[in-house]
Amino acid sequence: MDIQQCVAEVAESVREQADPEVRLVDGQTVDMPYGKVIRQGDVYLRRLPLEQADVSQLTQRKPSDRQIAPGATVGSRHLVTNADATIYDRQGTELEGPIILAPNGLYLAHPKHADFDIRLPGAYECTFPVDEAARELGEIRRRRD
């Protein structure tokens, strides 16, 4: 088996248990007013007005770095796929993810969860849920898929 076949088989096995749904958020059928939070697995996105997001002190990611959850596992593969969205890293706690400026909305893909096709402009603030088992031990860590 060559490397391309191996990659294809791994990709297919990941999608076997995937949710094939694409959740459309278009402001009409499904709305996402400012302040509302949506969830894709262990990633929460809160929509804010574009002009409310001060990214002047944040580090802009390279256009090729589209994964918003840290990690190398399949569960970490939350990807912003539209090129016109800009991702900025916050230097906060482990529970604070990037801020995504998306003047034309954003498409958030994942190999196992339903994808989100958000067609509303905004600044999307990414956060991660706390790992409750770690909190009981006195630690603050993010929960992972």
N, C-alpha and C. Protein backbone atom coordinates (compact mmCIF):
# COMPACT_ATOMS: atom_id res chain seq x y z
N MET A 1 0.85 -1.17 0.00
CA MET A 1 0.00 0.00 0.00
C MET A 1 0.90 1.24 0.00
N ASP A 2 0.63 2.17 -0.91
CA ASP A 2 1.43 3.39 -0.94
C ASP A 2 0.84 4.42 0.03
N ILE A 3 1.55 5.53 0.22
CA ILE A 3 1.16 6.54 1.21
C ILE A 3 -0.17 7.18 0.89
N GLN A 4 -0.47 7.39 -0.40
CA GLN A 4 -1.75 8.01 -0.77
C GLN A 4 -2.92 7.09 -0.44
N GLN A 5 -2.76 5.81 -0.66
CA GLN A 5 -3.82 4.88 -0.31
C GLN A 5 -4.04 4.84 1.19
N CYS A 6 -2.95 4.87 1.93
CA CYS A 6 -3.03 4.85 3.39
C CYS A 6 -3.77 6.09 3.90
N VAL A 7 -3.42 7.27 3.39
CA VAL A 7 -4.08 8.51 3.80
C VAL A 7 -5.56 8.46 3.45
N ALA A 8 -5.89 7.96 2.27
CA ALA A 8 -7.29 7.86 1.85
C ALA A 8 -8.08 6.93 2.76
N GLU A 9 -7.49 5.80 3.16
CA GLU A 9 -8.17 4.86 4.05
C GLU A 9 -8.39 5.44 5.43
N VAL A 10 -7.39 6.15 5.94
CA VAL A 10 -7.54 6.79 7.25
C VAL A 10 -8.64 7.84 7.20
N ALA A 11 -8.63 8.67 6.16
CA ALA A 11 -9.65 9.71 6.02
C ALA A 11 -11.04 9.10 5.94
N GLU A 12 -11.18 8.03 5.20
CA GLU A 12 -12.48 7.37 5.06
C GLU A 12 -12.93 6.76 6.39
N SER A 13 -12.02 6.16 7.15
CA SER A 13 -12.39 5.55 8.42
C SER A 13 -12.83 6.61 9.43
N VAL A 14 -12.26 7.80 9.36
CA VAL A 14 -12.66 8.89 10.25
C VAL A 14 -14.08 9.31 9.94
N ARG A 15 -14.44 9.37 8.65
CA ARG A 15 -15.77 9.83 8.25
C ARG A 15 -16.85 8.77 8.45
N GLU A 16 -16.48 7.51 8.74
CA GLU A 16 -17.49 6.46 8.88
C GLU A 16 -18.50 6.77 9.97
N GLN A 17 -18.05 7.36 11.08
CA GLN A 17 -18.95 7.66 12.18
C GLN A 17 -19.31 9.15 12.20
N ALA A 18 -19.05 9.83 11.13
CA ALA A 18 -19.27 11.28 11.07
C ALA A 18 -20.75 11.63 10.97
N ASP A 19 -21.05 12.82 11.44
CA ASP A 19 -22.37 13.37 11.28
C ASP A 19 -22.38 14.08 9.92
N PRO A 20 -23.14 13.61 8.94
CA PRO A 20 -23.09 14.19 7.60
C PRO A 20 -23.84 15.52 7.49
N GLU A 21 -24.46 15.94 8.57
CA GLU A 21 -25.28 17.15 8.54
C GLU A 21 -24.43 18.41 8.40
N VAL A 22 -24.98 19.37 7.66
CA VAL A 22 -24.42 20.72 7.62
C VAL A 22 -25.49 21.63 8.19
N ARG A 23 -25.16 22.32 9.26
CA ARG A 23 -26.12 23.21 9.91
C ARG A 23 -25.98 24.61 9.33
N LEU A 24 -27.00 25.04 8.65
CA LEU A 24 -27.03 26.35 8.01
C LEU A 24 -27.55 27.39 9.00
N VAL A 25 -26.76 28.44 9.19
CA VAL A 25 -27.17 29.58 10.01
C VAL A 25 -27.16 30.77 9.07
N ASP A 26 -28.35 31.15 8.61
CA ASP A 26 -28.42 32.18 7.57
C ASP A 26 -29.11 33.47 8.01
N GLY A 27 -29.56 33.53 9.26
CA GLY A 27 -30.23 34.72 9.76
C GLY A 27 -31.72 34.73 9.47
N GLN A 28 -32.19 33.82 8.64
CA GLN A 28 -33.62 33.75 8.33
C GLN A 28 -34.21 32.44 8.87
N THR A 29 -33.78 31.32 8.30
CA THR A 29 -34.26 30.03 8.77
C THR A 29 -33.77 29.78 10.20
N VAL A 30 -32.47 29.96 10.41
CA VAL A 30 -31.85 29.86 11.73
C VAL A 30 -31.05 31.13 11.95
N ASP A 31 -31.31 31.79 13.06
CA ASP A 31 -30.62 33.06 13.35
C ASP A 31 -29.54 32.84 14.39
N MET A 32 -28.58 33.73 14.40
CA MET A 32 -27.53 33.74 15.41
C MET A 32 -27.25 35.21 15.76
N PRO A 33 -28.13 35.79 16.60
CA PRO A 33 -27.93 37.20 16.95
C PRO A 33 -26.62 37.39 17.71
N TYR A 34 -26.15 38.63 17.76
CA TYR A 34 -24.92 38.92 18.49
C TYR A 34 -25.06 38.45 19.94
N GLY A 35 -24.00 37.81 20.43
CA GLY A 35 -23.99 37.28 21.78
C GLY A 35 -24.39 35.82 21.87
N LYS A 36 -25.06 35.30 20.86
CA LYS A 36 -25.47 33.89 20.88
C LYS A 36 -24.26 32.99 20.67
N VAL A 37 -24.29 31.84 21.34
CA VAL A 37 -23.20 30.86 21.26
C VAL A 37 -23.70 29.60 20.56
N ILE A 38 -22.89 29.07 19.66
CA ILE A 38 -23.16 27.76 19.08
C ILE A 38 -22.04 26.83 19.50
N ARG A 39 -22.31 25.54 19.44
CA ARG A 39 -21.33 24.54 19.89
C ARG A 39 -21.10 23.51 18.81
N GLN A 40 -19.83 23.20 18.57
CA GLN A 40 -19.45 22.10 17.70
C GLN A 40 -18.48 21.24 18.52
N GLY A 41 -19.00 20.18 19.13
CA GLY A 41 -18.16 19.33 19.99
C GLY A 41 -17.63 20.13 21.16
N ASP A 42 -16.31 20.22 21.27
CA ASP A 42 -15.70 20.94 22.39
C ASP A 42 -15.27 22.36 22.02
N VAL A 43 -15.93 22.94 21.03
CA VAL A 43 -15.65 24.31 20.62
C VAL A 43 -16.95 25.11 20.69
N TYR A 44 -16.87 26.25 21.39
CA TYR A 44 -17.99 27.18 21.44
C TYR A 44 -17.62 28.43 20.65
N LEU A 45 -18.55 28.94 19.86
CA LEU A 45 -18.34 30.18 19.11
C LEU A 45 -19.43 31.18 19.50
N ARG A 46 -19.00 32.37 19.90
CA ARG A 46 -19.93 33.45 20.23
C ARG A 46 -19.78 34.54 19.19
N ARG A 47 -20.90 34.95 18.61
CA ARG A 47 -20.90 35.97 17.55
C ARG A 47 -20.98 37.37 18.16
N LEU A 48 -20.06 38.23 17.71
CA LEU A 48 -20.02 39.63 18.11
C LEU A 48 -20.00 40.50 16.86
N PRO A 49 -20.39 41.77 16.98
CA PRO A 49 -20.24 42.67 15.82
C PRO A 49 -18.76 42.80 15.45
N LEU A 50 -18.49 42.87 14.17
CA LEU A 50 -17.10 42.99 13.70
C LEU A 50 -16.38 44.16 14.35
N GLU A 51 -17.05 45.30 14.44
CA GLU A 51 -16.41 46.50 14.98
C GLU A 51 -16.15 46.41 16.49
N GLN A 52 -16.72 45.43 17.16
CA GLN A 52 -16.52 45.26 18.59
C GLN A 52 -15.26 44.46 18.92
N ALA A 53 -14.71 43.79 17.94
CA ALA A 53 -13.54 42.94 18.16
C ALA A 53 -12.26 43.75 18.00
N ASP A 54 -11.55 43.96 19.09
CA ASP A 54 -10.26 44.65 19.04
C ASP A 54 -9.16 43.59 18.93
N VAL A 55 -8.63 43.43 17.74
CA VAL A 55 -7.59 42.44 17.52
C VAL A 55 -6.21 43.10 17.36
N SER A 56 -6.13 44.38 17.66
CA SER A 56 -4.88 45.13 17.43
C SER A 56 -3.70 44.58 18.23
N GLN A 57 -3.95 43.97 19.37
CA GLN A 57 -2.87 43.42 20.19
C GLN A 57 -2.72 41.91 20.04
N LEU A 58 -3.46 41.31 19.12
CA LEU A 58 -3.43 39.87 18.94
C LEU A 58 -2.55 39.48 17.76
N THR A 59 -2.12 38.24 17.75
CA THR A 59 -1.28 37.71 16.68
C THR A 59 -2.14 37.09 15.60
N GLN A 60 -1.99 37.59 14.37
CA GLN A 60 -2.73 37.02 13.25
C GLN A 60 -2.05 35.74 12.79
N ARG A 61 -2.84 34.71 12.57
CA ARG A 61 -2.30 33.44 12.09
C ARG A 61 -1.98 33.50 10.61
N LYS A 62 -1.12 32.59 10.20
CA LYS A 62 -0.85 32.41 8.77
C LYS A 62 -2.13 31.91 8.11
N PRO A 63 -2.36 32.29 6.86
CA PRO A 63 -3.58 31.82 6.17
C PRO A 63 -3.71 30.30 6.11
N SER A 64 -2.62 29.58 6.18
CA SER A 64 -2.68 28.12 6.10
C SER A 64 -3.05 27.47 7.44
N ASP A 65 -3.01 28.21 8.54
CA ASP A 65 -3.31 27.67 9.87
C ASP A 65 -4.78 27.91 10.19
N ARG A 66 -5.64 26.95 9.84
CA ARG A 66 -7.09 27.12 9.92
C ARG A 66 -7.75 26.33 11.05
N GLN A 67 -6.98 25.53 11.78
CA GLN A 67 -7.55 24.72 12.86
C GLN A 67 -7.68 25.58 14.11
N ILE A 68 -8.88 25.64 14.71
CA ILE A 68 -9.07 26.55 15.84
C ILE A 68 -8.93 25.88 17.20
N ALA A 69 -8.97 24.57 17.28
CA ALA A 69 -8.74 23.87 18.55
C ALA A 69 -7.34 23.28 18.54
N PRO A 70 -6.56 23.49 19.59
CA PRO A 70 -5.22 22.91 19.60
C PRO A 70 -5.27 21.39 19.70
N GLY A 71 -4.28 20.75 19.14
CA GLY A 71 -4.18 19.29 19.24
C GLY A 71 -4.01 18.63 17.89
N ALA A 72 -3.63 17.35 17.94
CA ALA A 72 -3.36 16.59 16.72
C ALA A 72 -4.34 15.43 16.53
N THR A 73 -5.33 15.32 17.41
CA THR A 73 -6.28 14.22 17.29
C THR A 73 -7.40 14.58 16.33
N VAL A 74 -8.18 13.59 15.92
CA VAL A 74 -9.32 13.82 15.05
C VAL A 74 -10.30 14.80 15.71
N GLY A 75 -10.49 14.67 17.02
CA GLY A 75 -11.41 15.55 17.74
C GLY A 75 -11.00 17.01 17.70
N SER A 76 -9.74 17.30 17.43
CA SER A 76 -9.25 18.68 17.39
C SER A 76 -9.43 19.34 16.04
N ARG A 77 -9.91 18.62 15.07
CA ARG A 77 -9.94 19.11 13.69
C ARG A 77 -11.13 20.01 13.38
N HIS A 78 -11.29 21.07 14.15
CA HIS A 78 -12.30 22.09 13.88
C HIS A 78 -11.64 23.10 12.95
N LEU A 79 -12.05 23.12 11.68
CA LEU A 79 -11.35 23.91 10.66
C LEU A 79 -12.25 24.99 10.07
N VAL A 80 -11.72 26.21 10.02
CA VAL A 80 -12.38 27.29 9.30
C VAL A 80 -11.92 27.17 7.86
N THR A 81 -12.85 26.88 6.96
CA THR A 81 -12.45 26.56 5.58
C THR A 81 -12.51 27.72 4.61
N ASN A 82 -13.23 28.79 4.94
CA ASN A 82 -13.28 29.91 3.99
C ASN A 82 -12.07 30.82 4.17
N ALA A 83 -11.43 31.14 3.05
CA ALA A 83 -10.17 31.88 3.06
C ALA A 83 -10.33 33.34 3.46
N ASP A 84 -11.54 33.91 3.37
CA ASP A 84 -11.70 35.32 3.70
C ASP A 84 -11.88 35.57 5.20
N ALA A 85 -11.90 34.53 6.01
CA ALA A 85 -11.94 34.68 7.47
C ALA A 85 -10.51 34.76 7.99
N THR A 86 -10.27 35.68 8.92
CA THR A 86 -8.94 35.87 9.50
C THR A 86 -8.97 35.42 10.95
N ILE A 87 -7.97 34.64 11.34
CA ILE A 87 -7.93 34.06 12.68
C ILE A 87 -6.82 34.74 13.48
N TYR A 88 -7.17 35.16 14.71
CA TYR A 88 -6.23 35.82 15.61
C TYR A 88 -6.15 35.03 16.91
N ASP A 89 -4.94 34.77 17.37
CA ASP A 89 -4.76 34.03 18.62
C ASP A 89 -4.77 34.98 19.81
N ARG A 90 -5.51 34.56 20.85
CA ARG A 90 -5.50 35.28 22.12
C ARG A 90 -4.46 34.60 23.02
N GLN A 91 -3.86 35.36 23.87
CA GLN A 91 -2.85 34.82 24.79
C GLN A 91 -3.45 34.69 26.18
N GLY A 92 -4.66 34.15 26.25
CA GLY A 92 -5.36 34.02 27.52
C GLY A 92 -5.16 32.66 28.15
N THR A 93 -6.20 32.17 28.78
CA THR A 93 -6.14 30.88 29.45
C THR A 93 -6.32 29.75 28.44
N GLU A 94 -6.18 28.55 28.92
CA GLU A 94 -6.36 27.37 28.07
C GLU A 94 -7.80 27.24 27.57
N LEU A 95 -8.73 27.95 28.20
CA LEU A 95 -10.13 27.90 27.80
C LEU A 95 -10.47 28.94 26.73
N GLU A 96 -9.53 29.83 26.42
CA GLU A 96 -9.77 30.87 25.42
C GLU A 96 -9.10 30.50 24.10
N GLY A 97 -9.93 30.35 23.09
CA GLY A 97 -9.42 30.06 21.75
C GLY A 97 -9.27 31.34 20.96
N PRO A 98 -9.12 31.22 19.67
CA PRO A 98 -8.90 32.39 18.82
C PRO A 98 -10.16 33.22 18.62
N ILE A 99 -9.96 34.38 18.03
CA ILE A 99 -11.05 35.22 17.53
C ILE A 99 -10.98 35.17 16.01
N ILE A 100 -12.11 34.95 15.39
CA ILE A 100 -12.18 34.82 13.93
C ILE A 100 -12.96 36.00 13.38
N LEU A 101 -12.32 36.81 12.55
CA LEU A 101 -13.03 37.89 11.88
C LEU A 101 -13.54 37.36 10.55
N ALA A 102 -14.85 37.37 10.41
CA ALA A 102 -15.48 36.76 9.24
C ALA A 102 -16.50 37.73 8.64
N PRO A 103 -16.05 38.65 7.77
CA PRO A 103 -16.97 39.65 7.21
C PRO A 103 -18.05 39.05 6.32
N ASN A 104 -17.84 37.84 5.84
CA ASN A 104 -18.84 37.16 5.00
C ASN A 104 -19.35 35.88 5.65
N GLY A 105 -19.20 35.75 6.95
CA GLY A 105 -19.58 34.53 7.64
C GLY A 105 -18.44 33.53 7.61
N LEU A 106 -18.70 32.32 8.14
CA LEU A 106 -17.64 31.32 8.14
C LEU A 106 -18.22 29.92 8.01
N TYR A 107 -17.37 29.04 7.53
CA TYR A 107 -17.73 27.62 7.43
C TYR A 107 -16.78 26.88 8.36
N LEU A 108 -17.37 26.20 9.36
CA LEU A 108 -16.59 25.45 10.33
C LEU A 108 -16.81 23.97 10.09
N ALA A 109 -15.77 23.29 9.61
CA ALA A 109 -15.85 21.87 9.27
C ALA A 109 -15.23 21.02 10.37
N HIS A 110 -15.71 19.79 10.47
CA HIS A 110 -15.16 18.82 11.43
C HIS A 110 -15.40 17.42 10.89
N PRO A 111 -14.44 16.50 11.06
CA PRO A 111 -14.61 15.15 10.49
C PRO A 111 -15.69 14.31 11.17
N LYS A 112 -16.09 14.64 12.41
CA LYS A 112 -17.09 13.81 13.09
C LYS A 112 -18.36 14.56 13.47
N HIS A 113 -18.28 15.85 13.71
CA HIS A 113 -19.45 16.63 14.08
C HIS A 113 -20.08 17.25 12.84
N ALA A 114 -21.32 17.70 13.00
CA ALA A 114 -21.97 18.43 11.91
C ALA A 114 -21.17 19.69 11.60
N ASP A 115 -21.04 20.00 10.32
CA ASP A 115 -20.39 21.26 9.92
C ASP A 115 -21.35 22.41 10.16
N PHE A 116 -20.80 23.62 10.32
CA PHE A 116 -21.61 24.82 10.43
C PHE A 116 -21.31 25.72 9.23
N ASP A 117 -22.36 26.10 8.54
CA ASP A 117 -22.27 27.07 7.45
C ASP A 117 -22.96 28.33 7.96
N ILE A 118 -22.18 29.23 8.54
CA ILE A 118 -22.70 30.45 9.15
C ILE A 118 -22.56 31.58 8.13
N ARG A 119 -23.68 32.07 7.65
CA ARG A 119 -23.67 33.07 6.59
C ARG A 119 -23.90 34.48 7.13
N LEU A 120 -23.49 34.71 8.35
CA LEU A 120 -23.66 36.01 8.98
C LEU A 120 -22.30 36.62 9.28
N PRO A 121 -22.10 37.89 8.92
CA PRO A 121 -20.82 38.51 9.23
C PRO A 121 -20.67 38.68 10.74
N GLY A 122 -19.44 38.64 11.18
CA GLY A 122 -19.21 38.86 12.61
C GLY A 122 -17.80 38.52 13.02
N ALA A 123 -17.55 38.82 14.28
CA ALA A 123 -16.32 38.37 14.94
C ALA A 123 -16.76 37.20 15.80
N TYR A 124 -16.11 36.08 15.64
CA TYR A 124 -16.49 34.86 16.35
C TYR A 124 -15.43 34.54 17.39
N GLU A 125 -15.85 34.61 18.64
CA GLU A 125 -14.95 34.36 19.76
C GLU A 125 -15.04 32.89 20.14
N CYS A 126 -13.92 32.22 20.09
CA CYS A 126 -13.85 30.78 20.35
C CYS A 126 -13.45 30.52 21.81
N THR A 127 -14.20 29.67 22.49
CA THR A 127 -13.84 29.23 23.84
C THR A 127 -14.01 27.72 23.91
N PHE A 128 -13.43 27.14 24.94
CA PHE A 128 -13.49 25.70 25.14
C PHE A 128 -14.09 25.41 26.51
N PRO A 129 -14.85 24.32 26.65
CA PRO A 129 -15.43 23.97 27.95
C PRO A 129 -14.37 23.43 28.89
N VAL A 130 -14.65 23.58 30.18
CA VAL A 130 -13.72 23.11 31.20
C VAL A 130 -13.90 21.59 31.40
N ASP A 131 -12.80 20.92 31.69
CA ASP A 131 -12.81 19.49 32.01
C ASP A 131 -13.23 19.36 33.48
N GLU A 132 -14.45 18.88 33.70
CA GLU A 132 -15.00 18.82 35.07
C GLU A 132 -14.19 17.88 35.98
N ALA A 133 -13.68 16.77 35.44
CA ALA A 133 -12.88 15.86 36.26
C ALA A 133 -11.61 16.56 36.75
N ALA A 134 -10.99 17.36 35.90
CA ALA A 134 -9.79 18.10 36.30
C ALA A 134 -10.14 19.18 37.32
N ARG A 135 -11.30 19.82 37.14
CA ARG A 135 -11.70 20.87 38.09
C ARG A 135 -11.87 20.29 39.49
N GLU A 136 -12.42 19.06 39.57
CA GLU A 136 -12.58 18.42 40.88
C GLU A 136 -11.24 18.19 41.56
N LEU A 137 -10.18 18.08 40.77
CA LEU A 137 -8.84 17.90 41.31
C LEU A 137 -8.13 19.24 41.54
N GLY A 138 -8.84 20.34 41.31
CA GLY A 138 -8.28 21.67 41.52
C GLY A 138 -7.53 22.23 40.32
N GLU A 139 -7.68 21.61 39.15
CA GLU A 139 -7.00 22.08 37.94
C GLU A 139 -8.03 22.67 36.97
N ILE A 140 -7.58 23.62 36.19
CA ILE A 140 -8.43 24.16 35.13
C ILE A 140 -7.80 23.75 33.81
N ARG A 141 -8.47 22.84 33.12
CA ARG A 141 -8.04 22.37 31.80
C ARG A 141 -9.25 22.34 30.90
N ARG A 142 -9.00 22.41 29.61
CA ARG A 142 -10.13 22.34 28.68
C ARG A 142 -10.50 20.89 28.43
N ARG A 143 -11.80 20.68 28.23
CA ARG A 143 -12.30 19.36 27.87
C ARG A 143 -12.03 19.17 26.37
N ARG A 144 -11.71 17.96 26.00
CA ARG A 144 -11.39 17.66 24.59
C ARG A 144 -12.35 16.61 24.07
N ASP A 145 -12.59 16.67 22.74
CA ASP A 145 -13.42 15.66 22.08
C ASP A 145 -12.80 14.30 22.26
